[in-house]
Amino acid sequence: MPVTGRAVSATVLLAIGAGLALLAVMVHYEFMRIYGDVSGTAFEGLTWGLTAGPSGLGLGLVAVVAIIGFMISTRRWMRLTAVAIPVLMLIGMFAVTPSAPGQRLQVQFNSTPQCVTEGTDEPMASADRESQQAFDSISHIGNFSGGGMSGVGGCTRGFVLSGDVDVLEHYRAALPAAGWEVVEDDGRHLRAHRDGRAFDVMPCPGGGVI
């Protein structure tokens, strides 16, 4: 192949690689926005996205195109571009990783537990309302998802934390401030009573359950 032909082929491959890299960053962002761990760091999110999601496949494809472009390149700037494309792609993925779970927090999580579900039959609906009133009277930390268990015996909701927070220390102060009496606190679990109701909180990795 003539030198000019190799240069054109390398340029086309590098342009394709750059386009694929941009697309891979966008796919990574969408994947993390829907499935990303809201309690992890940016590095942990990037690592998880590369191993569990389509981001790793995108990186492999871009790397193959960049390697071929590097091998047939006839000029130094082309070779440098071939090396830079996958590197910049990883930097781009790392840059968008923190904001993607933040979008997920806004859409899928609440700052307080939500127990009431429309269309629930009695007596569970009354129990849900009582649980919601109890939860609303307490200052909470973390972000609560919609999942959990509800019934006439109460409402259970899990929450996640975006930082290193002492869950029990928070509720040791928040519960008495809301009129609850702490009756059990063994360092792994906290229980409080008020007006015949009970509140339990237990820390878990990355969050807790109330």
Protein backbone atom coordinates (compact mmCIF):
# COMPACT_ATOMS: atom_id res chain seq x y z
CA MET A 1 0.00 0.00 0.00
CA PRO A 2 1.44 3.45 -0.87
CA VAL A 3 2.49 5.70 1.98
CA THR A 4 -0.31 8.15 1.24
CA GLY A 5 -2.81 5.28 1.38
CA ARG A 6 -1.51 4.21 4.79
CA ALA A 7 -1.77 7.77 6.06
CA VAL A 8 -5.38 8.04 4.91
CA SER A 9 -6.26 4.64 6.41
CA ALA A 10 -4.63 5.59 9.72
CA THR A 11 -6.48 8.90 9.79
CA VAL A 12 -9.80 7.18 9.14
CA LEU A 13 -9.13 4.60 11.86
CA LEU A 14 -8.19 7.28 14.36
CA ALA A 15 -11.36 9.22 13.55
CA ILE A 16 -13.40 6.04 14.04
CA GLY A 17 -11.58 5.34 17.29
CA ALA A 18 -12.28 8.85 18.57
CA GLY A 19 -15.96 8.51 17.69
CA LEU A 20 -16.19 5.13 19.39
CA ALA A 21 -14.44 6.53 22.47
CA LEU A 22 -16.95 9.38 22.72
CA LEU A 23 -19.83 6.94 22.30
CA ALA A 24 -18.35 4.64 24.96
CA VAL A 25 -18.15 7.53 27.44
CA MET A 26 -21.81 8.34 26.81
CA VAL A 27 -22.83 4.69 27.23
CA HIS A 28 -20.81 4.47 30.44
CA TYR A 29 -22.57 7.55 31.80
CA GLU A 30 -26.03 6.14 31.02
CA PHE A 31 -25.13 2.77 32.54
CA MET A 32 -23.87 4.39 35.73
CA ARG A 33 -26.88 6.72 35.86
CA ILE A 34 -29.23 3.72 35.90
CA TYR A 35 -27.24 1.08 37.77
CA GLY A 36 -24.31 2.86 39.45
CA ASP A 37 -23.53 2.49 43.14
CA VAL A 38 -24.44 5.80 44.74
CA SER A 39 -22.31 5.07 47.81
CA GLY A 40 -19.05 4.32 45.99
CA THR A 41 -16.15 6.55 44.97
CA ALA A 42 -15.49 7.64 41.40
CA PHE A 43 -12.65 5.12 41.08
CA GLU A 44 -14.81 2.31 42.42
CA GLY A 45 -17.60 3.30 40.05
CA LEU A 46 -15.26 3.33 37.06
CA THR A 47 -13.81 -0.06 37.99
CA TRP A 48 -17.27 -1.54 38.43
CA GLY A 49 -18.49 -0.04 35.16
CA LEU A 50 -15.54 -1.48 33.26
CA THR A 51 -15.99 -4.96 34.71
CA ALA A 52 -19.77 -5.29 35.06
CA GLY A 53 -21.09 -3.08 32.29
CA PRO A 54 -20.58 -2.38 28.59
CA SER A 55 -17.77 0.08 29.32
CA GLY A 56 -15.13 -2.65 29.31
CA LEU A 57 -16.27 -3.88 25.90
CA GLY A 58 -16.14 -0.33 24.60
CA LEU A 59 -12.64 0.15 25.94
CA GLY A 60 -11.47 -3.08 24.31
CA LEU A 61 -12.94 -2.10 20.94
CA VAL A 62 -11.40 1.37 21.06
CA ALA A 63 -8.05 -0.11 22.09
CA VAL A 64 -8.06 -2.51 19.12
CA VAL A 65 -8.84 0.30 16.67
CA ALA A 66 -6.15 2.50 18.28
CA ILE A 67 -3.54 -0.27 18.07
CA ILE A 68 -4.24 -0.88 14.40
CA GLY A 69 -4.13 2.85 13.74
CA PHE A 70 -0.82 3.07 15.61
CA MET A 71 0.71 0.22 13.61
CA ILE A 72 -0.15 1.66 10.19
CA SER A 73 0.53 5.28 11.11
CA THR A 74 3.29 6.99 9.13
CA ARG A 75 3.66 10.09 11.26
CA ARG A 76 4.50 10.73 14.88
CA TRP A 77 1.40 12.80 15.62
CA MET A 78 -0.75 9.93 14.40
CA ARG A 79 0.94 7.50 16.77
CA LEU A 80 0.56 9.92 19.66
CA THR A 81 -3.13 10.35 18.80
CA ALA A 82 -3.60 6.58 18.71
CA VAL A 83 -2.15 6.28 22.22
CA ALA A 84 -4.10 9.29 23.50
CA ILE A 85 -7.56 8.14 22.38
CA PRO A 86 -8.06 5.24 24.88
CA VAL A 87 -6.32 7.25 27.62
CA LEU A 88 -8.64 10.22 27.12
CA MET A 89 -11.57 7.83 26.97
CA LEU A 90 -10.72 6.49 30.44
CA ILE A 91 -10.27 10.03 31.75
CA GLY A 92 -13.67 10.95 30.33
CA MET A 93 -15.32 7.93 31.95
CA PHE A 94 -13.70 8.80 35.27
CA ALA A 95 -14.86 12.41 34.97
CA VAL A 96 -18.53 11.56 34.36
CA THR A 97 -18.72 8.73 36.92
CA PRO A 98 -19.46 10.92 40.00
CA SER A 99 -22.27 12.88 38.33
CA ALA A 100 -24.07 9.80 36.96
CA PRO A 101 -24.96 8.28 40.37
CA GLY A 102 -25.91 11.79 41.46
CA GLN A 103 -28.59 11.78 38.77
CA ARG A 104 -29.72 8.38 40.00
CA LEU A 105 -30.04 9.74 43.54
CA GLN A 106 -32.34 12.52 42.38
CA VAL A 107 -34.59 10.18 40.39
CA GLN A 108 -34.68 6.94 42.38
CA PHE A 109 -34.03 7.95 46.00
CA ASN A 110 -35.64 10.16 48.65
CA SER A 111 -34.16 12.02 51.61
CA THR A 112 -36.79 10.43 53.90
CA PRO A 113 -38.30 6.93 53.88
CA GLN A 114 -41.58 6.60 51.98
CA CYS A 115 -44.01 4.01 53.37
CA VAL A 116 -47.38 5.05 51.93
CA THR A 117 -48.39 3.37 48.66
CA GLU A 118 -51.48 4.40 46.76
CA GLY A 119 -54.20 1.76 46.48
CA THR A 120 -53.13 -0.19 49.56
CA ASP A 121 -56.01 -1.93 51.34
CA GLU A 122 -56.82 -1.57 55.02
CA PRO A 123 -55.56 -2.30 57.63
CA MET A 124 -52.11 -2.10 56.02
CA ALA A 125 -52.84 1.41 54.67
CA SER A 126 -53.42 2.71 58.21
CA ALA A 127 -50.24 1.03 59.41
CA ASP A 128 -48.29 2.60 56.55
CA ARG A 129 -49.63 6.06 57.43
CA GLU A 130 -48.68 5.62 61.08
CA SER A 131 -45.20 4.48 60.08
CA GLN A 132 -44.87 7.45 57.74
CA GLN A 133 -45.86 9.88 60.50
CA ALA A 134 -43.27 8.33 62.79
CA PHE A 135 -40.53 8.53 60.15
CA ASP A 136 -41.45 12.11 59.26
CA SER A 137 -40.93 13.18 62.87
CA ILE A 138 -37.28 12.06 62.84
CA SER A 139 -34.25 13.69 61.21
CA HIS A 140 -32.70 11.17 58.82
CA ILE A 141 -29.42 10.78 56.98
CA GLY A 142 -28.66 9.02 53.72
CA ASN A 143 -30.85 8.40 50.72
CA PHE A 144 -33.81 6.02 50.80
CA SER A 145 -34.89 3.82 47.92
CA GLY A 146 -38.50 2.87 47.35
CA GLY A 147 -37.93 -0.80 48.11
CA GLY A 148 -38.54 -2.45 51.46
CA MET A 149 -41.12 -4.32 53.48
CA SER A 150 -44.41 -2.91 54.74
CA GLY A 151 -47.24 -4.44 56.74
CA VAL A 152 -49.41 -4.07 59.79
CA GLY A 153 -46.29 -4.67 61.87
CA GLY A 154 -44.50 -1.62 60.49
CA CYS A 155 -42.41 -0.30 57.62
CA THR A 156 -38.81 -1.24 56.85
CA ARG A 157 -36.66 0.84 54.51
CA GLY A 158 -32.99 0.74 53.54
CA PHE A 159 -30.77 3.74 52.85
CA VAL A 160 -27.40 4.38 51.31
CA LEU A 161 -24.70 6.85 52.27
CA SER A 162 -22.45 8.79 49.93
CA GLY A 163 -19.80 9.33 52.60
CA ASP A 164 -18.33 7.89 55.78
CA VAL A 165 -21.02 8.68 58.36
CA ASP A 166 -21.63 7.14 61.80
CA VAL A 167 -25.24 6.04 61.41
CA LEU A 168 -25.84 5.15 65.05
CA GLU A 169 -24.26 8.37 66.27
CA HIS A 170 -26.69 10.36 64.13
CA TYR A 171 -29.76 8.56 65.46
CA ARG A 172 -28.49 8.67 69.04
CA ALA A 173 -29.01 12.44 68.80
CA ALA A 174 -31.93 12.57 66.36
CA LEU A 175 -34.25 10.17 68.20
CA PRO A 176 -34.23 11.87 71.63
CA ALA A 177 -34.60 15.22 69.87
CA ALA A 178 -37.82 13.91 68.29
CA GLY A 179 -39.17 12.61 71.60
CA TRP A 180 -38.04 8.99 71.30
CA GLU A 181 -36.41 7.09 74.16
CA VAL A 182 -33.41 4.94 73.25
CA VAL A 183 -33.87 1.61 75.01
CA GLU A 184 -31.18 -0.48 73.32
CA ASP A 185 -27.80 0.48 71.89
CA ASP A 186 -25.12 -2.19 71.60
CA GLY A 187 -22.96 -0.48 68.97
CA ARG A 188 -24.38 -2.59 66.13
CA HIS A 189 -28.09 -1.89 66.55
CA LEU A 190 -30.18 0.87 68.10
CA ARG A 191 -33.80 0.69 69.27
CA ALA A 192 -36.06 3.45 70.57
CA HIS A 193 -39.65 3.63 71.85
CA ARG A 194 -42.31 6.33 71.71
CA ASP A 195 -46.09 6.17 72.31
CA GLY A 196 -46.20 2.40 71.91
CA ARG A 197 -44.12 2.43 68.73
CA ALA A 198 -40.62 1.11 68.17
CA PHE A 199 -37.87 2.42 65.92
CA ASP A 200 -34.91 0.23 64.96
CA VAL A 201 -31.81 1.14 62.98
CA MET A 202 -28.95 -1.13 61.94
CA PRO A 203 -25.92 0.01 59.91
CA CYS A 204 -24.99 -1.99 56.83
CA PRO A 205 -22.07 -1.64 54.37
CA GLY A 206 -22.64 1.61 52.54
CA GLY A 207 -25.80 2.53 54.46
CA GLY A 208 -28.28 0.94 56.84
CA VAL A 209 -31.83 -0.23 57.51
CA ILE A 210 -34.54 1.40 59.62
